[in-house]
Every structure is written in C-alpha cells, then in structure tokens.
Amino acid sequence: MTISAGVPFKLFDQDLLLLPQRAIYWKQEKTLIAADVHLGKVGHFRKAGIAVPRDMEQGDLAVLSDLIDEYRPQKVLFLGDLFHSDMNADWDWFALWRQQFPKLTIDLIRGNHDIVHDRHYQELNVTLHDELLTGPFLMLHHPVPEPKLVLLDSYVFCGHIHPGVNLKGKGRQSITLPCFAFGDKQGVLPSFGKFTGRVAIHSRETDRIFAVLKDKVIAID
C-alpha cells in the first residue's frame, strides 16, 4: 500500500512529515509520532451497552501498520492516551499487533487515560515515560500553559486536546477538521484515533495550522 507522503515541515532544522493519518514522521530520528490513539474505547463503550462497530479499533491498528510498512521507522512514540481505559478485550488486539513488530521500539508518554498497569505494557516491551526529551523536542501528553511554556528551553510536542480548525464556506456552512497546530514554543498533534471528537482551538496569527482532510494535509493561511 502506498501512503500519501504528507506535508514537509521544517522545525529546528528537523525534517518532519505531517501525515493525513494524523501522525508525524520525523526523518532524522526515524520516528513515527502519534497522539491519542485511544485503543480500548470501543470495548469500553460496548461494555457499557453502547453499540459501536467492533472493527474501529482494528482499523486504527491497521493504519499504524501501514505507516510502519511505508516509512520503516525504528521507533513509534505515542504522546499519551494510547489505551482509553482499563483492561478489556481490545487489549488482545493491541498485543497481537505488537507481536508483528518485535524489533520496533515503542515509547509511551503517560496520558490521563493510560491507567492500565505498567506491567502489561512492559510485557509488550513498551517503555513508559512521564515526559521525554529527544533532540530539540520535549514530548508530553498535556499542553503546557503559556506562563510555564516561556520558561522551557525545549519545544513541546503534545496531544490531549484533540485540536481542530473551523473552516467556513461562502455560505453559512462550516466544518471542524482535525489539525496540527504549531505555536512559537509548542506543537499540538491531532488525535490519531478515529473514534474521538475534536475541539476548535484558538490560534494566533503567528501559529502554523495544518488541517487534515481524508487523504491530504493542507496549510491554513
């Protein structure tokens, strides 16, 4: 399967590809970065008696597999909320998926939904972090508030808020699309998981916003 090459984006002399699959490929580090996959959310809702198509989880894992096959990363870095809730049957799908890539390094920044016990991740050779400094970037789950952000030496990558950008047509119609949002000191990734909502963010004129469509990423002026 050939995947869209994404939009090249240079940040601190690092070459990033912003992918329509809502992930970033970092060329220098051969690392695939994704936030808010929320595996297990389908099982969580079904357990509560809410009818949700069972194959949604497997679809997100299939997209991850396609990206790995296309870009051949040495590492996948998840910026929190990899798994949505406590253990359920969807964990077995993740365990089977992990077995397909035994040599792949997987790092997980703990998110507020990552409540599965550490030992389950360790059994799958997933390394857990509260934060991770790699190159010029500080990898977190939650965005850093502005007063604290200015005190940091590193540029922050994070997720958590499922950012979206509201686009309006010539009439009254409007749509909120997932987006990558890069400020002066912090970049927020869209949620990778398809079974998530999105919130339209407030951005400054100096921010770089990239909307994610079905099969491409576009810069918003």
C-alpha atoms as a PDB file:
ATOM      1  CA  MET A   1       0.000   0.000   0.000  1.00  0.00           C
ATOM      2  CA  THR A   2       1.402   3.412  -0.967  1.00  0.00           C
ATOM      3  CA  ILE A   3       0.625   6.174   1.523  1.00  0.00           C
ATOM      4  CA  SER A   4       0.455   9.891   0.878  1.00  0.00           C
ATOM      5  CA  ALA A   5       3.871  11.415   1.549  1.00  0.00           C
ATOM      6  CA  GLY A   6       2.391  14.135   3.725  1.00  0.00           C
ATOM      7  CA  VAL A   7       3.415  17.764   4.012  1.00  0.00           C
ATOM      8  CA  PRO A   8       7.092  18.532   4.751  1.00  0.00           C
ATOM      9  CA  PHE A   9       7.549  20.816   7.735  1.00  0.00           C
ATOM     10  CA  LYS A  10      10.919  22.077   8.978  1.00  0.00           C
ATOM     11  CA  LEU A  11      11.217  22.791  12.695  1.00  0.00           C
ATOM     12  CA  PHE A  12      14.529  23.498  14.465  1.00  0.00           C
ATOM     13  CA  ASP A  13      16.367  22.066  11.448  1.00  0.00           C
ATOM     14  CA  GLN A  14      14.442  18.807  11.821  1.00  0.00           C
ATOM     15  CA  ASP A  15      12.550  17.355   8.868  1.00  0.00           C
ATOM     16  CA  LEU A  16       9.005  16.388   9.732  1.00  0.00           C
ATOM     17  CA  LEU A  17       6.272  14.936   7.554  1.00  0.00           C
ATOM     18  CA  LEU A  18       2.752  15.840   8.617  1.00  0.00           C
ATOM     19  CA  LEU A  19       0.673  12.857   7.552  1.00  0.00           C
ATOM     20  CA  PRO A  20      -3.041  12.702   6.711  1.00  0.00           C
ATOM     21  CA  GLN A  21      -3.212   9.682   9.021  1.00  0.00           C
ATOM     22  CA  ARG A  22      -2.803  12.295  11.822  1.00  0.00           C
ATOM     23  CA  ALA A  23       0.754  11.375  12.693  1.00  0.00           C
ATOM     24  CA  ILE A  24       4.221  12.833  12.162  1.00  0.00           C
ATOM     25  CA  TYR A  25       7.212  11.084  10.680  1.00  0.00           C
ATOM     26  CA  TRP A  26      10.467  12.572  11.999  1.00  0.00           C
ATOM     27  CA  LYS A  27      13.103  11.766   9.390  1.00  0.00           C
ATOM     28  CA  GLN A  28      16.304  12.351  11.344  1.00  0.00           C
ATOM     29  CA  GLU A  29      15.217  10.125  14.225  1.00  0.00           C
ATOM     30  CA  LYS A  30      13.325   7.619  12.067  1.00  0.00           C
ATOM     31  CA  THR A  31      10.436   8.034  14.482  1.00  0.00           C
ATOM     32  CA  LEU A  32       6.691   7.931  13.965  1.00  0.00           C
ATOM     33  CA  ILE A  33       4.843  10.191  16.429  1.00  0.00           C
ATOM     34  CA  ALA A  34       1.136   9.879  17.221  1.00  0.00           C
ATOM     35  CA  ALA A  35      -1.128  11.164  19.986  1.00  0.00           C
ATOM     36  CA  ASP A  36      -4.403  10.000  21.488  1.00  0.00           C
ATOM     37  CA  VAL A  37      -4.961   6.669  19.787  1.00  0.00           C
ATOM     38  CA  HIS A  38      -7.496   5.696  22.482  1.00  0.00           C
ATOM     39  CA  LEU A  39      -7.389   1.956  21.857  1.00  0.00           C
ATOM     40  CA  GLY A  40      -9.952   0.190  24.008  1.00  0.00           C
ATOM     41  CA  LYS A  41     -12.508   2.960  23.698  1.00  0.00           C
ATOM     42  CA  VAL A  42     -14.716   0.771  21.522  1.00  0.00           C
ATOM     43  CA  GLY A  43     -14.616  -2.011  24.107  1.00  0.00           C
ATOM     44  CA  HIS A  44     -15.268   0.499  26.870  1.00  0.00           C
ATOM     45  CA  PHE A  45     -18.437   1.741  25.170  1.00  0.00           C
ATOM     46  CA  ARG A  46     -19.633  -1.708  24.184  1.00  0.00           C
ATOM     47  CA  LYS A  47     -19.159  -2.862  27.774  1.00  0.00           C
ATOM     48  CA  ALA A  48     -21.474  -0.027  28.793  1.00  0.00           C
ATOM     49  CA  GLY A  49     -24.098  -1.291  26.353  1.00  0.00           C
ATOM     50  CA  ILE A  50     -23.493   1.335  23.653  1.00  0.00           C
ATOM     51  CA  ALA A  51     -23.475  -0.131  20.145  1.00  0.00           C
ATOM     52  CA  VAL A  52     -20.185   0.706  18.418  1.00  0.00           C
ATOM     53  CA  PRO A  53     -18.729  -1.135  15.381  1.00  0.00           C
ATOM     54  CA  ARG A  54     -16.192  -3.603  16.723  1.00  0.00           C
ATOM     55  CA  ASP A  55     -13.744  -3.149  13.842  1.00  0.00           C
ATOM     56  CA  MET A  56     -12.959   0.518  14.577  1.00  0.00           C
ATOM     57  CA  GLU A  57     -10.075  -0.420  16.891  1.00  0.00           C
ATOM     58  CA  GLN A  58      -8.613  -2.812  14.365  1.00  0.00           C
ATOM     59  CA  GLY A  59      -8.829  -0.077  11.738  1.00  0.00           C
ATOM     60  CA  ASP A  60      -6.581   2.256  13.744  1.00  0.00           C
ATOM     61  CA  LEU A  61      -4.060  -0.538  14.275  1.00  0.00           C
ATOM     62  CA  ALA A  62      -4.157  -1.334  10.553  1.00  0.00           C
ATOM     63  CA  VAL A  63      -3.347   2.318   9.756  1.00  0.00           C
ATOM     64  CA  LEU A  64      -0.400   2.162  12.162  1.00  0.00           C
ATOM     65  CA  SER A  65       0.792  -0.997  10.423  1.00  0.00           C
ATOM     66  CA  ASP A  66       0.551   0.666   7.012  1.00  0.00           C
ATOM     67  CA  LEU A  67       2.573   3.654   8.215  1.00  0.00           C
ATOM     68  CA  ILE A  68       5.257   1.390   9.655  1.00  0.00           C
ATOM     69  CA  ASP A  69       5.454  -0.604   6.424  1.00  0.00           C
ATOM     70  CA  GLU A  70       5.708   2.594   4.382  1.00  0.00           C
ATOM     71  CA  TYR A  71       8.211   4.627   6.420  1.00  0.00           C
ATOM     72  CA  ARG A  72      10.121   1.865   8.228  1.00  0.00           C
ATOM     73  CA  PRO A  73      10.581   3.786  11.496  1.00  0.00           C
ATOM     74  CA  GLN A  74      12.889   2.461  14.166  1.00  0.00           C
ATOM     75  CA  LYS A  75      10.633   3.896  16.868  1.00  0.00           C
ATOM     76  CA  VAL A  76       6.981   4.741  17.443  1.00  0.00           C
ATOM     77  CA  LEU A  77       6.357   7.421  20.061  1.00  0.00           C
ATOM     78  CA  PHE A  78       2.854   7.777  21.481  1.00  0.00           C
ATOM     79  CA  LEU A  79       2.065  11.108  23.161  1.00  0.00           C
ATOM     80  CA  GLY A  80      -0.351   9.700  25.698  1.00  0.00           C
ATOM     81  CA  ASP A  81      -3.781   8.067  25.787  1.00  0.00           C
ATOM     82  CA  LEU A  82      -2.691   5.025  23.836  1.00  0.00           C
ATOM     83  CA  PHE A  83      -5.292   2.924  25.624  1.00  0.00           C
ATOM     84  CA  HIS A  84      -8.560   4.550  26.638  1.00  0.00           C
ATOM     85  CA  SER A  85      -9.492   2.789  29.873  1.00  0.00           C
ATOM     86  CA  ASP A  86      -8.779  -0.270  31.996  1.00  0.00           C
ATOM     87  CA  MET A  87      -8.175  -3.702  30.504  1.00  0.00           C
ATOM     88  CA  ASN A  88     -10.770  -5.048  28.102  1.00  0.00           C
ATOM     89  CA  ALA A  89     -10.895  -7.400  25.126  1.00  0.00           C
ATOM     90  CA  ASP A  90      -9.380  -4.756  22.822  1.00  0.00           C
ATOM     91  CA  TRP A  91      -6.060  -5.134  24.643  1.00  0.00           C
ATOM     92  CA  ASP A  92      -5.688  -8.535  22.969  1.00  0.00           C
ATOM     93  CA  TRP A  93      -5.801  -6.855  19.559  1.00  0.00           C
ATOM     94  CA  PHE A  94      -3.032  -4.490  20.610  1.00  0.00           C
ATOM     95  CA  ALA A  95      -0.948  -7.397  21.931  1.00  0.00           C
ATOM     96  CA  LEU A  96      -1.336  -9.249  18.618  1.00  0.00           C
ATOM     97  CA  TRP A  97      -0.413  -6.095  16.726  1.00  0.00           C
ATOM     98  CA  ARG A  98       2.718  -5.624  18.846  1.00  0.00           C
ATOM     99  CA  GLN A  99       3.886  -9.140  18.005  1.00  0.00           C
ATOM    100  CA  GLN A 100       4.074  -8.165  14.334  1.00  0.00           C
ATOM    101  CA  PHE A 101       6.836  -5.632  15.059  1.00  0.00           C
ATOM    102  CA  PRO A 102       9.112  -7.205  17.692  1.00  0.00           C
ATOM    103  CA  LYS A 103      12.167  -5.103  16.762  1.00  0.00           C
ATOM    104  CA  LEU A 104      10.296  -1.800  16.822  1.00  0.00           C
ATOM    105  CA  THR A 105      10.987   0.476  19.795  1.00  0.00           C
ATOM    106  CA  ILE A 106       7.769   1.802  21.315  1.00  0.00           C
ATOM    107  CA  ASP A 107       7.724   4.667  23.812  1.00  0.00           C
ATOM    108  CA  LEU A 108       4.582   5.894  25.537  1.00  0.00           C
ATOM    109  CA  ILE A 109       4.208   9.187  27.337  1.00  0.00           C
ATOM    110  CA  ARG A 110       1.602   8.532  30.018  1.00  0.00           C
ATOM    111  CA  GLY A 111      -1.702  10.270  29.407  1.00  0.00           C
ATOM    112  CA  ASN A 112      -4.662  10.752  31.704  1.00  0.00           C
ATOM    113  CA  HIS A 113      -6.398   7.726  30.168  1.00  0.00           C
ATOM    114  CA  ASP A 114      -3.367   5.430  30.438  1.00  0.00           C
ATOM    115  CA  ILE A 115      -4.472   3.603  33.573  1.00  0.00           C
ATOM    116  CA  VAL A 116      -3.541   0.060  32.527  1.00  0.00           C
ATOM    117  CA  HIS A 117      -0.915  -1.264  34.954  1.00  0.00           C
ATOM    118  CA  ASP A 118       2.695  -0.736  33.888  1.00  0.00           C
ATOM    119  CA  ARG A 119       3.440  -4.456  33.851  1.00  0.00           C
ATOM    120  CA  HIS A 120       1.052  -5.032  30.935  1.00  0.00           C
ATOM    121  CA  TYR A 121       2.962  -2.510  28.819  1.00  0.00           C
ATOM    122  CA  GLN A 122       6.285  -3.917  29.967  1.00  0.00           C
ATOM    123  CA  GLU A 123       5.197  -7.407  28.900  1.00  0.00           C
ATOM    124  CA  LEU A 124       4.772  -5.981  25.396  1.00  0.00           C
ATOM    125  CA  ASN A 125       8.124  -4.173  25.520  1.00  0.00           C
ATOM    126  CA  VAL A 126       6.551  -0.722  25.639  1.00  0.00           C
ATOM    127  CA  THR A 127       8.636   1.827  27.575  1.00  0.00           C
ATOM    128  CA  LEU A 128       6.689   4.292  29.717  1.00  0.00           C
ATOM    129  CA  HIS A 129       7.629   7.909  30.434  1.00  0.00           C
ATOM    130  CA  ASP A 130       6.068  10.889  32.148  1.00  0.00           C
ATOM    131  CA  GLU A 131       7.955  13.058  29.675  1.00  0.00           C
ATOM    132  CA  LEU A 132      10.760  12.505  27.196  1.00  0.00           C
ATOM    133  CA  LEU A 133      13.390  14.906  25.908  1.00  0.00           C
ATOM    134  CA  THR A 134      14.642  13.914  22.487  1.00  0.00           C
ATOM    135  CA  GLY A 135      16.640  16.288  20.303  1.00  0.00           C
ATOM    136  CA  PRO A 136      15.143  19.796  20.467  1.00  0.00           C
ATOM    137  CA  PHE A 137      11.727  18.462  21.477  1.00  0.00           C
ATOM    138  CA  LEU A 138      10.130  17.780  24.850  1.00  0.00           C
ATOM    139  CA  MET A 139       7.492  15.088  24.427  1.00  0.00           C
ATOM    140  CA  LEU A 140       4.470  15.440  26.720  1.00  0.00           C
ATOM    141  CA  HIS A 141       0.810  14.497  26.787  1.00  0.00           C
ATOM    142  CA  HIS A 142      -0.814  17.652  28.173  1.00  0.00           C
ATOM    143  CA  PRO A 143      -0.114  21.059  26.619  1.00  0.00           C
ATOM    144  CA  VAL A 144       1.939  23.396  28.795  1.00  0.00           C
ATOM    145  CA  PRO A 145       0.157  26.606  29.896  1.00  0.00           C
ATOM    146  CA  GLU A 146       1.601  29.810  28.463  1.00  0.00           C
ATOM    147  CA  PRO A 147       3.186  31.126  31.711  1.00  0.00           C
ATOM    148  CA  LYS A 148       5.181  27.904  32.138  1.00  0.00           C
ATOM    149  CA  LEU A 149       5.825  27.443  28.430  1.00  0.00           C
ATOM    150  CA  VAL A 150       8.003  30.553  28.157  1.00  0.00           C
ATOM    151  CA  LEU A 151      10.311  29.133  30.846  1.00  0.00           C
ATOM    152  CA  LEU A 152      11.142  25.982  28.887  1.00  0.00           C
ATOM    153  CA  ASP A 153      14.286  25.647  26.787  1.00  0.00           C
ATOM    154  CA  SER A 154      12.820  22.917  24.558  1.00  0.00           C
ATOM    155  CA  TYR A 155       9.981  22.957  22.039  1.00  0.00           C
ATOM    156  CA  VAL A 156       6.990  20.942  23.277  1.00  0.00           C
ATOM    157  CA  PHE A 157       5.137  18.266  21.324  1.00  0.00           C
ATOM    158  CA  CYS A 158       1.870  17.177  22.928  1.00  0.00           C
ATOM    159  CA  GLY A 159      -1.684  15.975  22.329  1.00  0.00           C
ATOM    160  CA  HIS A 160      -4.626  15.576  24.710  1.00  0.00           C
ATOM    161  CA  ILE A 161      -6.924  18.336  23.416  1.00  0.00           C
ATOM    162  CA  HIS A 162      -7.745  16.753  20.005  1.00  0.00           C
ATOM    163  CA  PRO A 163      -7.276  20.068  18.168  1.00  0.00           C
ATOM    164  CA  GLY A 164      -9.483  21.107  15.279  1.00  0.00           C
ATOM    165  CA  VAL A 165      -9.729  24.085  12.959  1.00  0.00           C
ATOM    166  CA  ASN A 166     -13.071  25.542  11.922  1.00  0.00           C
ATOM    167  CA  LEU A 167     -13.365  26.296   8.216  1.00  0.00           C
ATOM    168  CA  LYS A 168     -16.261  28.296   6.794  1.00  0.00           C
ATOM    169  CA  GLY A 169     -17.580  28.249   3.243  1.00  0.00           C
ATOM    170  CA  LYS A 170     -19.009  31.094   1.187  1.00  0.00           C
ATOM    171  CA  GLY A 171     -22.436  30.381   2.650  1.00  0.00           C
ATOM    172  CA  ARG A 172     -23.162  29.640   6.272  1.00  0.00           C
ATOM    173  CA  GLN A 173     -21.787  26.123   6.147  1.00  0.00           C
ATOM    174  CA  SER A 174     -18.785  25.267   8.310  1.00  0.00           C
ATOM    175  CA  ILE A 175     -16.766  22.208   9.258  1.00  0.00           C
ATOM    176  CA  THR A 176     -14.262  21.492  12.011  1.00  0.00           C
ATOM    177  CA  LEU A 177     -11.320  19.432  10.782  1.00  0.00           C
ATOM    178  CA  PRO A 178      -8.590  17.814  12.867  1.00  0.00           C
ATOM    179  CA  CYS A 179      -5.370  19.774  12.668  1.00  0.00           C
ATOM    180  CA  PHE A 180      -1.723  20.086  13.578  1.00  0.00           C
ATOM    181  CA  ALA A 181      -1.126  23.358  15.438  1.00  0.00           C
ATOM    182  CA  PHE A 182       2.392  24.770  15.831  1.00  0.00           C
ATOM    183  CA  GLY A 183       2.964  27.820  18.019  1.00  0.00           C
ATOM    184  CA  ASP A 184       6.251  29.508  18.890  1.00  0.00           C
ATOM    185  CA  LYS A 185       7.066  27.038  21.674  1.00  0.00           C
ATOM    186  CA  GLN A 186       4.551  24.207  21.382  1.00  0.00           C
ATOM    187  CA  GLY A 187       3.070  21.905  18.754  1.00  0.00           C
ATOM    188  CA  VAL A 188      -0.198  20.027  19.313  1.00  0.00           C
ATOM    189  CA  LEU A 189      -0.975  16.871  17.334  1.00  0.00           C
ATOM    190  CA  PRO A 190      -4.457  15.786  16.247  1.00  0.00           C
ATOM    191  CA  SER A 191      -5.907  12.641  17.781  1.00  0.00           C
ATOM    192  CA  PHE A 192      -4.808   9.576  15.837  1.00  0.00           C
ATOM    193  CA  GLY A 193      -7.820   7.526  16.900  1.00  0.00           C
ATOM    194  CA  LYS A 194     -10.838   7.858  14.637  1.00  0.00           C
ATOM    195  CA  PHE A 195     -13.280   7.282  17.500  1.00  0.00           C
ATOM    196  CA  THR A 196     -12.555  10.669  19.097  1.00  0.00           C
ATOM    197  CA  GLY A 197     -14.016  14.139  18.915  1.00  0.00           C
ATOM    198  CA  ARG A 198     -12.202  17.399  18.237  1.00  0.00           C
ATOM    199  CA  VAL A 199     -12.291  20.891  19.659  1.00  0.00           C
ATOM    200  CA  ALA A 200     -11.775  24.025  17.568  1.00  0.00           C
ATOM    201  CA  ILE A 201      -8.758  25.812  19.016  1.00  0.00           C
ATOM    202  CA  HIS A 202      -7.975  29.493  19.265  1.00  0.00           C
ATOM    203  CA  SER A 203      -4.746  30.298  17.439  1.00  0.00           C
ATOM    204  CA  ARG A 204      -2.549  33.333  16.988  1.00  0.00           C
ATOM    205  CA  GLU A 205      -1.718  34.826  13.617  1.00  0.00           C
ATOM    206  CA  THR A 206       1.855  33.604  14.049  1.00  0.00           C
ATOM    207  CA  ASP A 207       0.778  29.973  14.583  1.00  0.00           C
ATOM    208  CA  ARG A 208       1.144  27.457  11.776  1.00  0.00           C
ATOM    209  CA  ILE A 209      -2.056  25.449  11.349  1.00  0.00           C
ATOM    210  CA  PHE A 210      -2.394  22.410   9.085  1.00  0.00           C
ATOM    211  CA  ALA A 211      -5.850  20.940   8.541  1.00  0.00           C
ATOM    212  CA  VAL A 212      -6.200  17.205   7.979  1.00  0.00           C
ATOM    213  CA  LEU A 213      -8.504  16.011   5.223  1.00  0.00           C
ATOM    214  CA  LYS A 214      -9.232  12.412   4.302  1.00  0.00           C
ATOM    215  CA  ASP A 215      -6.140  11.929   2.166  1.00  0.00           C
ATOM    216  CA  LYS A 216      -4.082  15.114   2.485  1.00  0.00           C
ATOM    217  CA  VAL A 217      -2.859  17.833   4.805  1.00  0.00           C
ATOM    218  CA  ILE A 218      -3.287  21.489   3.884  1.00  0.00           C
ATOM    219  CA  ALA A 219      -1.719  24.620   5.356  1.00  0.00           C
ATOM    220  CA  ILE A 220      -4.230  27.184   6.639  1.00  0.00           C
ATOM    221  CA  ASP A 221      -3.193  30.759   5.930  1.00  0.00           C
END
